[in-house]
Structures are given as C-alpha cells and as structure tokens.
Amino acid sequence: MQAYIDYLVEDIMAAHRPEDYFSKSPKNSQEEDLEEALKESEKFVSQEKRFGFEGYCGLKRESFPPKDQLSEAQLAQVTTAFVAMMKSWNLEVAFPDDLPQLRRYELLMGILVGPVMIFKHGYYCFDFCTGNPEGCELGEYCPCLKSEFYNP
C-alpha cells in the first residue's frame, strides 16, 4: 500500500494550481482588481452553483483508498500533501490540533467532492464548525465545546 500512497502523493503534488491559472485575464489596474475582487465576493455570497473541487484540481475521489486501509502515518502523509495542494488553490483548512488524522482524511475527501469557489483575490477557509457543537462535523473535537460561553 505504501507504494500506492507514494504515487498518490505525487499526483496530489501535480494537482497544485498552475501558476498561469489566473493569467488568462489581462493585467488589471488596482481599480480593476478591486472591482474583480468585489465581483468574486458577490458571486460567493450569491451561492450560485459551483463545481466540485475535483473539477479544479483533477484528482478523483476513487483514487483515494478507503480510510480503514491506511495506517496513521499514511493518513498523515496524504492529508499533509492534500492541505498543501489546497493552499495553492487559495483554499485553507483549519483543523483543531487534536483532530485525529482519520477524521481529517474524511473531511478532506468531502471537500474533494463538494462544491468550492476558487478565489483570485482572496481565499476560503474550511473550518467545519457551525458555531454550535450540536450537529457539528467535528463532533467531540468541536472547539465550541471548549468555549467558556458553551453551557449545555
């Protein structure tokens, strides 16, 4: 399995955003950049239909092994490479420090198949927290549970 993971990590590294991805548009003045950034914000807020991240980075969910077939070290190897690749697409991930690698892997696979918006003038951060620990994707790792304001 390690040989496959090594190839998968190479594929993840190859899925970084191409440097010329945004250069298809002409050079903008500062005013045009600001206008373009505002349009991006409006597009994000409008919640218009978006493509899955697979369509941007070229990776397919089927290429990733089932979580129960990976060791802790392999999970860490894949999740670390995947998070670095996401950064190249202006996407960030904020995991609680104590979140197990297995859960990180599951959440990243959800991002891979889920809709995303790629920003030219900013970034998007997945933190998986709704602000309410009840029904939170992070379960017992939800940072809200540690908040002084949470009173069950």
N, C-alpha and C. Protein backbone atom coordinates (compact mmCIF):
# COMPACT_ATOMS: atom_id res chain seq x y z
N MET A 1 0.83 -1.20 0.00
CA MET A 1 0.00 0.00 0.00
C MET A 1 0.87 1.26 0.00
N GLN A 2 2.05 1.20 0.63
CA GLN A 2 2.89 2.39 0.71
C GLN A 2 3.32 2.87 -0.68
N ALA A 3 3.59 1.95 -1.57
CA ALA A 3 3.97 2.35 -2.94
C ALA A 3 2.83 3.13 -3.59
N TYR A 4 1.61 2.67 -3.39
CA TYR A 4 0.45 3.39 -3.95
C TYR A 4 0.33 4.77 -3.33
N ILE A 5 0.51 4.86 -2.02
CA ILE A 5 0.42 6.15 -1.33
C ILE A 5 1.48 7.11 -1.87
N ASP A 6 2.67 6.61 -2.11
CA ASP A 6 3.73 7.46 -2.67
C ASP A 6 3.33 8.01 -4.04
N TYR A 7 2.72 7.18 -4.88
CA TYR A 7 2.24 7.64 -6.19
C TYR A 7 1.08 8.63 -6.03
N LEU A 8 0.21 8.36 -5.07
CA LEU A 8 -0.91 9.26 -4.82
C LEU A 8 -0.41 10.64 -4.38
N VAL A 9 0.58 10.66 -3.51
CA VAL A 9 1.15 11.94 -3.07
C VAL A 9 1.77 12.68 -4.26
N GLU A 10 2.41 11.97 -5.16
CA GLU A 10 2.94 12.60 -6.38
C GLU A 10 1.80 13.21 -7.20
N ASP A 11 0.68 12.48 -7.30
CA ASP A 11 -0.49 13.01 -8.03
C ASP A 11 -1.04 14.25 -7.34
N ILE A 12 -1.06 14.23 -6.02
CA ILE A 12 -1.55 15.40 -5.26
C ILE A 12 -0.63 16.58 -5.51
N MET A 13 0.66 16.35 -5.51
CA MET A 13 1.62 17.44 -5.77
C MET A 13 1.44 17.99 -7.19
N ALA A 14 1.12 17.12 -8.12
CA ALA A 14 0.90 17.56 -9.50
C ALA A 14 -0.42 18.31 -9.66
N ALA A 15 -1.30 18.22 -8.67
CA ALA A 15 -2.61 18.87 -8.73
C ALA A 15 -2.60 20.29 -8.19
N HIS A 16 -1.41 20.80 -7.83
CA HIS A 16 -1.33 22.20 -7.40
C HIS A 16 -1.82 23.09 -8.53
N ARG A 17 -2.36 24.24 -8.16
CA ARG A 17 -2.87 25.17 -9.17
C ARG A 17 -1.73 25.60 -10.09
N PRO A 18 -1.95 25.52 -11.39
CA PRO A 18 -0.91 26.00 -12.31
C PRO A 18 -0.66 27.49 -12.10
N GLU A 19 0.58 27.89 -12.21
CA GLU A 19 0.93 29.30 -11.97
C GLU A 19 0.22 30.24 -12.93
N ASP A 20 -0.12 29.75 -14.12
CA ASP A 20 -0.77 30.61 -15.10
C ASP A 20 -2.30 30.50 -15.05
N TYR A 21 -2.85 29.89 -14.02
CA TYR A 21 -4.29 29.66 -13.94
C TYR A 21 -5.09 30.96 -14.08
N PHE A 22 -4.65 32.02 -13.41
CA PHE A 22 -5.37 33.29 -13.47
C PHE A 22 -4.81 34.23 -14.52
N SER A 23 -3.75 33.87 -15.19
CA SER A 23 -3.13 34.80 -16.14
C SER A 23 -3.86 34.85 -17.47
N LYS A 24 -4.94 34.10 -17.59
CA LYS A 24 -5.73 34.15 -18.83
C LYS A 24 -6.42 35.50 -18.98
N SER A 25 -6.60 36.19 -17.84
CA SER A 25 -7.22 37.51 -17.91
C SER A 25 -6.11 38.56 -18.05
N PRO A 26 -6.43 39.67 -18.69
CA PRO A 26 -5.41 40.70 -18.90
C PRO A 26 -4.98 41.33 -17.57
N LYS A 27 -3.80 41.97 -17.60
CA LYS A 27 -3.32 42.68 -16.42
C LYS A 27 -4.32 43.77 -16.07
N ASN A 28 -4.62 43.85 -14.78
CA ASN A 28 -5.60 44.83 -14.32
C ASN A 28 -4.92 45.97 -13.58
N SER A 29 -5.58 47.11 -13.61
CA SER A 29 -5.16 48.21 -12.75
C SER A 29 -5.65 47.88 -11.33
N GLN A 30 -5.22 48.65 -10.35
CA GLN A 30 -5.68 48.43 -8.98
C GLN A 30 -7.20 48.55 -8.88
N GLU A 31 -7.74 49.51 -9.60
CA GLU A 31 -9.19 49.72 -9.58
C GLU A 31 -9.91 48.51 -10.18
N GLU A 32 -9.37 47.98 -11.27
CA GLU A 32 -9.98 46.79 -11.89
C GLU A 32 -9.85 45.56 -10.99
N ASP A 33 -8.70 45.44 -10.30
CA ASP A 33 -8.52 44.34 -9.35
C ASP A 33 -9.55 44.44 -8.22
N LEU A 34 -9.78 45.65 -7.73
CA LEU A 34 -10.77 45.84 -6.67
C LEU A 34 -12.16 45.47 -7.17
N GLU A 35 -12.49 45.90 -8.37
CA GLU A 35 -13.79 45.58 -8.95
C GLU A 35 -13.95 44.06 -9.12
N GLU A 36 -12.88 43.41 -9.59
CA GLU A 36 -12.89 41.96 -9.77
C GLU A 36 -13.05 41.24 -8.42
N ALA A 37 -12.39 41.75 -7.38
CA ALA A 37 -12.49 41.16 -6.05
C ALA A 37 -13.91 41.32 -5.50
N LEU A 38 -14.54 42.46 -5.75
CA LEU A 38 -15.92 42.68 -5.30
C LEU A 38 -16.88 41.75 -6.03
N LYS A 39 -16.63 41.52 -7.32
CA LYS A 39 -17.47 40.58 -8.08
C LYS A 39 -17.32 39.17 -7.53
N GLU A 40 -16.09 38.79 -7.17
CA GLU A 40 -15.87 37.48 -6.55
C GLU A 40 -16.68 37.35 -5.27
N SER A 41 -16.65 38.41 -4.44
CA SER A 41 -17.39 38.40 -3.18
C SER A 41 -18.89 38.25 -3.42
N GLU A 42 -19.39 38.99 -4.40
CA GLU A 42 -20.82 38.89 -4.73
C GLU A 42 -21.17 37.48 -5.21
N LYS A 43 -20.30 36.91 -6.01
CA LYS A 43 -20.53 35.56 -6.52
C LYS A 43 -20.55 34.56 -5.36
N PHE A 44 -19.66 34.74 -4.41
CA PHE A 44 -19.60 33.85 -3.25
C PHE A 44 -20.87 33.96 -2.41
N VAL A 45 -21.29 35.18 -2.15
CA VAL A 45 -22.48 35.41 -1.32
C VAL A 45 -23.75 34.92 -2.01
N SER A 46 -23.79 34.99 -3.33
CA SER A 46 -25.00 34.60 -4.07
C SER A 46 -25.26 33.10 -4.02
N GLN A 47 -24.26 32.32 -3.61
CA GLN A 47 -24.40 30.86 -3.52
C GLN A 47 -24.80 30.22 -4.84
N GLU A 48 -24.36 30.82 -5.95
CA GLU A 48 -24.66 30.21 -7.25
C GLU A 48 -23.98 28.86 -7.35
N LYS A 49 -24.49 28.04 -8.24
CA LYS A 49 -23.98 26.68 -8.39
C LYS A 49 -22.48 26.69 -8.65
N ARG A 50 -21.77 25.81 -7.93
CA ARG A 50 -20.32 25.73 -8.06
C ARG A 50 -19.91 24.31 -8.43
N PHE A 51 -18.74 24.21 -9.02
CA PHE A 51 -18.18 22.91 -9.38
C PHE A 51 -17.53 22.28 -8.16
N GLY A 52 -17.42 20.95 -8.19
CA GLY A 52 -16.69 20.25 -7.16
C GLY A 52 -15.20 20.51 -7.30
N PHE A 53 -14.48 20.40 -6.21
CA PHE A 53 -13.04 20.65 -6.23
C PHE A 53 -12.33 19.68 -7.16
N GLU A 54 -12.88 18.48 -7.35
CA GLU A 54 -12.31 17.52 -8.30
C GLU A 54 -12.11 18.15 -9.67
N GLY A 55 -13.07 18.99 -10.07
CA GLY A 55 -13.02 19.61 -11.39
C GLY A 55 -11.91 20.63 -11.54
N TYR A 56 -11.45 21.18 -10.44
CA TYR A 56 -10.36 22.15 -10.49
C TYR A 56 -9.00 21.46 -10.42
N CYS A 57 -8.84 20.60 -9.42
CA CYS A 57 -7.51 20.01 -9.18
C CYS A 57 -7.25 18.76 -10.01
N GLY A 58 -8.30 18.16 -10.55
CA GLY A 58 -8.12 16.99 -11.41
C GLY A 58 -8.03 15.66 -10.69
N LEU A 59 -8.02 15.68 -9.37
CA LEU A 59 -8.00 14.43 -8.60
C LEU A 59 -9.41 13.87 -8.51
N LYS A 60 -9.52 12.57 -8.41
CA LYS A 60 -10.83 11.91 -8.30
C LYS A 60 -10.91 11.17 -6.98
N ARG A 61 -12.07 11.20 -6.39
CA ARG A 61 -12.27 10.53 -5.09
C ARG A 61 -11.92 9.05 -5.18
N GLU A 62 -12.19 8.43 -6.32
CA GLU A 62 -11.93 6.99 -6.48
C GLU A 62 -10.45 6.66 -6.36
N SER A 63 -9.59 7.63 -6.53
CA SER A 63 -8.14 7.40 -6.45
C SER A 63 -7.65 7.28 -5.01
N PHE A 64 -8.48 7.70 -4.07
CA PHE A 64 -8.08 7.69 -2.67
C PHE A 64 -8.60 6.43 -1.99
N PRO A 65 -7.69 5.69 -1.34
CA PRO A 65 -8.10 4.43 -0.71
C PRO A 65 -9.09 4.65 0.43
N PRO A 66 -9.87 3.61 0.76
CA PRO A 66 -10.73 3.70 1.94
C PRO A 66 -9.89 3.96 3.18
N LYS A 67 -10.42 4.77 4.07
CA LYS A 67 -9.66 5.20 5.25
C LYS A 67 -9.16 4.05 6.11
N ASP A 68 -9.93 2.97 6.17
CA ASP A 68 -9.55 1.86 7.05
C ASP A 68 -8.39 1.03 6.48
N GLN A 69 -7.97 1.31 5.27
CA GLN A 69 -6.84 0.59 4.67
C GLN A 69 -5.51 1.34 4.87
N LEU A 70 -5.57 2.52 5.50
CA LEU A 70 -4.38 3.34 5.65
C LEU A 70 -3.90 3.35 7.10
N SER A 71 -2.59 3.36 7.26
CA SER A 71 -2.01 3.49 8.60
C SER A 71 -2.10 4.96 9.01
N GLU A 72 -1.83 5.22 10.27
CA GLU A 72 -1.82 6.60 10.78
C GLU A 72 -0.79 7.44 10.01
N ALA A 73 0.38 6.87 9.77
CA ALA A 73 1.44 7.59 9.05
C ALA A 73 1.02 7.88 7.60
N GLN A 74 0.35 6.93 6.96
CA GLN A 74 -0.12 7.14 5.58
C GLN A 74 -1.21 8.20 5.54
N LEU A 75 -2.10 8.17 6.52
CA LEU A 75 -3.15 9.20 6.59
C LEU A 75 -2.50 10.58 6.72
N ALA A 76 -1.50 10.68 7.57
CA ALA A 76 -0.81 11.96 7.77
C ALA A 76 -0.09 12.40 6.49
N GLN A 77 0.51 11.45 5.80
CA GLN A 77 1.23 11.75 4.55
C GLN A 77 0.26 12.31 3.50
N VAL A 78 -0.89 11.67 3.36
CA VAL A 78 -1.87 12.10 2.35
C VAL A 78 -2.51 13.43 2.76
N THR A 79 -2.92 13.56 4.02
CA THR A 79 -3.61 14.79 4.43
C THR A 79 -2.67 16.00 4.37
N THR A 80 -1.41 15.81 4.73
CA THR A 80 -0.44 16.92 4.67
C THR A 80 -0.25 17.38 3.23
N ALA A 81 -0.08 16.44 2.32
CA ALA A 81 0.08 16.79 0.90
C ALA A 81 -1.18 17.45 0.35
N PHE A 82 -2.34 16.94 0.74
CA PHE A 82 -3.61 17.47 0.24
C PHE A 82 -3.84 18.91 0.72
N VAL A 83 -3.55 19.18 1.99
CA VAL A 83 -3.72 20.53 2.53
C VAL A 83 -2.77 21.51 1.82
N ALA A 84 -1.54 21.08 1.57
CA ALA A 84 -0.59 21.94 0.85
C ALA A 84 -1.08 22.23 -0.57
N MET A 85 -1.65 21.22 -1.21
CA MET A 85 -2.18 21.41 -2.56
C MET A 85 -3.37 22.38 -2.53
N MET A 86 -4.22 22.24 -1.53
CA MET A 86 -5.37 23.15 -1.43
C MET A 86 -4.93 24.60 -1.31
N LYS A 87 -3.86 24.85 -0.56
CA LYS A 87 -3.36 26.22 -0.40
C LYS A 87 -3.01 26.85 -1.74
N SER A 88 -2.51 26.04 -2.67
CA SER A 88 -2.16 26.58 -3.98
C SER A 88 -3.41 27.05 -4.73
N TRP A 89 -4.57 26.55 -4.34
CA TRP A 89 -5.85 26.95 -4.94
C TRP A 89 -6.55 28.01 -4.11
N ASN A 90 -5.84 28.63 -3.17
CA ASN A 90 -6.39 29.66 -2.27
C ASN A 90 -7.48 29.10 -1.37
N LEU A 91 -7.31 27.86 -0.98
CA LEU A 91 -8.21 27.21 -0.03
C LEU A 91 -7.41 26.81 1.20
N GLU A 92 -7.93 27.14 2.36
CA GLU A 92 -7.27 26.81 3.62
C GLU A 92 -8.14 25.83 4.38
N VAL A 93 -7.52 25.10 5.29
CA VAL A 93 -8.23 24.18 6.16
C VAL A 93 -7.78 24.45 7.58
N ALA A 94 -8.73 24.61 8.49
CA ALA A 94 -8.41 24.83 9.90
C ALA A 94 -8.94 23.64 10.70
N PHE A 95 -8.04 22.75 11.05
CA PHE A 95 -8.41 21.60 11.87
C PHE A 95 -8.06 21.89 13.32
N PRO A 96 -8.90 21.44 14.25
CA PRO A 96 -8.46 21.50 15.66
C PRO A 96 -7.18 20.67 15.81
N ASP A 97 -6.28 21.13 16.65
CA ASP A 97 -4.99 20.44 16.82
C ASP A 97 -5.14 18.97 17.20
N ASP A 98 -6.17 18.66 17.98
CA ASP A 98 -6.32 17.29 18.48
C ASP A 98 -7.18 16.41 17.57
N LEU A 99 -7.56 16.92 16.39
CA LEU A 99 -8.39 16.13 15.48
C LEU A 99 -7.57 14.99 14.89
N PRO A 100 -8.04 13.75 15.03
CA PRO A 100 -7.27 12.60 14.51
C PRO A 100 -7.13 12.65 12.98
N GLN A 101 -6.04 12.06 12.49
CA GLN A 101 -5.78 12.01 11.06
C GLN A 101 -6.92 11.36 10.29
N LEU A 102 -7.51 10.33 10.85
CA LEU A 102 -8.61 9.63 10.18
C LEU A 102 -9.76 10.59 9.89
N ARG A 103 -10.10 11.41 10.87
CA ARG A 103 -11.20 12.38 10.69
C ARG A 103 -10.79 13.48 9.70
N ARG A 104 -9.53 13.89 9.73
CA ARG A 104 -9.04 14.89 8.76
C ARG A 104 -9.20 14.36 7.34
N TYR A 105 -8.80 13.12 7.14
CA TYR A 105 -8.90 12.48 5.83
C TYR A 105 -10.34 12.47 5.35
N GLU A 106 -11.26 12.10 6.23
CA GLU A 106 -12.68 12.07 5.86
C GLU A 106 -13.18 13.45 5.44
N LEU A 107 -12.81 14.46 6.21
CA LEU A 107 -13.25 15.82 5.90
C LEU A 107 -12.65 16.32 4.59
N LEU A 108 -11.40 16.00 4.33
CA LEU A 108 -10.77 16.41 3.08
C LEU A 108 -11.41 15.72 1.88
N MET A 109 -11.81 14.48 2.04
CA MET A 109 -12.48 13.78 0.95
C MET A 109 -13.84 14.43 0.67
N GLY A 110 -14.48 14.96 1.69
CA GLY A 110 -15.72 15.70 1.49
C GLY A 110 -15.50 16.97 0.69
N ILE A 111 -14.38 17.66 0.94
CA ILE A 111 -14.04 18.86 0.16
C ILE A 111 -13.78 18.49 -1.29
N LEU A 112 -13.11 17.39 -1.50
CA LEU A 112 -12.76 16.97 -2.86
C LEU A 112 -14.00 16.82 -3.73
N VAL A 113 -15.05 16.24 -3.19
CA VAL A 113 -16.25 16.01 -3.99
C VAL A 113 -17.28 17.13 -3.87
N GLY A 114 -17.08 18.01 -2.90
CA GLY A 114 -18.05 19.07 -2.67
C GLY A 114 -17.77 20.31 -3.50
N PRO A 115 -18.77 21.18 -3.62
CA PRO A 115 -18.60 22.41 -4.40
C PRO A 115 -17.67 23.39 -3.68
N VAL A 116 -16.84 24.05 -4.47
CA VAL A 116 -15.94 25.07 -3.94
C VAL A 116 -15.94 26.26 -4.88
N MET A 117 -15.43 27.36 -4.37
CA MET A 117 -15.20 28.54 -5.20
C MET A 117 -13.73 28.87 -5.09
N ILE A 118 -13.07 29.02 -6.22
CA ILE A 118 -11.66 29.36 -6.24
C ILE A 118 -11.54 30.88 -6.41
N PHE A 119 -10.87 31.51 -5.46
CA PHE A 119 -10.73 32.96 -5.46
C PHE A 119 -9.39 33.37 -6.07
N LYS A 120 -9.44 34.41 -6.86
CA LYS A 120 -8.21 35.02 -7.37
C LYS A 120 -7.70 36.07 -6.38
N HIS A 121 -8.64 36.76 -5.73
CA HIS A 121 -8.30 37.89 -4.86
C HIS A 121 -8.57 37.59 -3.40
N GLY A 122 -8.37 36.40 -2.98
CA GLY A 122 -8.59 36.05 -1.59
C GLY A 122 -8.55 34.54 -1.44
N TYR A 123 -9.03 34.06 -0.34
CA TYR A 123 -9.04 32.63 -0.11
C TYR A 123 -10.26 32.26 0.71
N TYR A 124 -10.53 30.97 0.77
CA TYR A 124 -11.63 30.46 1.57
C TYR A 124 -11.05 29.46 2.56
N CYS A 125 -11.52 29.53 3.79
CA CYS A 125 -11.05 28.62 4.83
C CYS A 125 -12.18 27.71 5.28
N PHE A 126 -11.94 26.41 5.19
CA PHE A 126 -12.87 25.42 5.71
C PHE A 126 -12.51 25.21 7.19
N ASP A 127 -13.45 25.53 8.08
CA ASP A 127 -13.18 25.25 9.49
C ASP A 127 -14.15 24.22 10.06
N PHE A 128 -15.16 23.84 9.28
CA PHE A 128 -16.08 22.76 9.60
C PHE A 128 -16.94 23.02 10.83
N CYS A 129 -16.80 24.16 11.46
CA CYS A 129 -17.53 24.45 12.69
C CYS A 129 -18.69 25.38 12.39
N THR A 130 -19.85 25.03 12.88
CA THR A 130 -21.05 25.84 12.66
C THR A 130 -21.24 26.88 13.74
N GLY A 131 -20.43 26.80 14.81
CA GLY A 131 -20.61 27.70 15.94
C GLY A 131 -21.50 27.08 17.00
N ASN A 132 -21.99 25.90 16.72
CA ASN A 132 -22.84 25.18 17.67
C ASN A 132 -22.38 23.72 17.69
N PRO A 133 -21.95 23.23 18.84
CA PRO A 133 -21.42 21.87 18.89
C PRO A 133 -22.46 20.78 18.58
N GLU A 134 -23.72 21.11 18.70
CA GLU A 134 -24.76 20.12 18.40
C GLU A 134 -24.86 19.97 16.88
N GLY A 135 -24.55 18.78 16.39
CA GLY A 135 -24.59 18.52 14.96
C GLY A 135 -23.35 18.96 14.21
N CYS A 136 -22.32 19.39 14.93
CA CYS A 136 -21.08 19.85 14.30
C CYS A 136 -20.34 18.67 13.67
N GLU A 137 -19.76 18.89 12.49
CA GLU A 137 -18.99 17.85 11.79
C GLU A 137 -17.78 17.40 12.59
N LEU A 138 -17.31 18.23 13.49
CA LEU A 138 -16.12 17.90 14.26
C LEU A 138 -16.42 17.05 15.49
N GLY A 139 -17.70 16.87 15.79
CA GLY A 139 -18.09 16.02 16.92
C GLY A 139 -17.45 16.47 18.22
N GLU A 140 -16.84 15.52 18.94
CA GLU A 140 -16.25 15.84 20.24
C GLU A 140 -15.02 16.73 20.14
N TYR A 141 -14.55 17.00 18.92
CA TYR A 141 -13.39 17.86 18.71
C TYR A 141 -13.79 19.30 18.39
N CYS A 142 -15.07 19.57 18.41
CA CYS A 142 -15.56 20.92 18.11
C CYS A 142 -14.97 21.91 19.12
N PRO A 143 -14.34 22.98 18.63
CA PRO A 143 -13.75 23.96 19.53
C PRO A 143 -14.78 24.67 20.41
N CYS A 144 -16.03 24.68 19.99
CA CYS A 144 -17.06 25.34 20.77
C CYS A 144 -17.25 24.65 22.13
N LEU A 145 -16.97 23.35 22.19
CA LEU A 145 -17.12 22.62 23.44
C LEU A 145 -16.16 23.12 24.51
N LYS A 146 -15.06 23.72 24.06
CA LYS A 146 -14.05 24.24 24.99
C LYS A 146 -14.28 25.71 25.31
N SER A 147 -15.26 26.31 24.67
CA SER A 147 -15.53 27.73 24.86
C SER A 147 -16.15 27.98 26.23
N GLU A 148 -15.75 29.07 26.83
CA GLU A 148 -16.32 29.44 28.13
C GLU A 148 -17.80 29.82 28.00
N PHE A 149 -18.23 30.11 26.77
CA PHE A 149 -19.61 30.52 26.55
C PHE A 149 -20.55 29.34 26.29
N TYR A 150 -19.97 28.15 26.10
CA TYR A 150 -20.81 26.97 25.85
C TYR A 150 -21.29 26.42 27.18
N ASN A 151 -22.61 26.33 27.29
CA ASN A 151 -23.21 25.84 28.53
C ASN A 151 -24.33 24.87 28.16
N PRO A 152 -24.01 23.56 28.12
CA PRO A 152 -25.03 22.59 27.68
C PRO A 152 -26.20 22.46 28.64
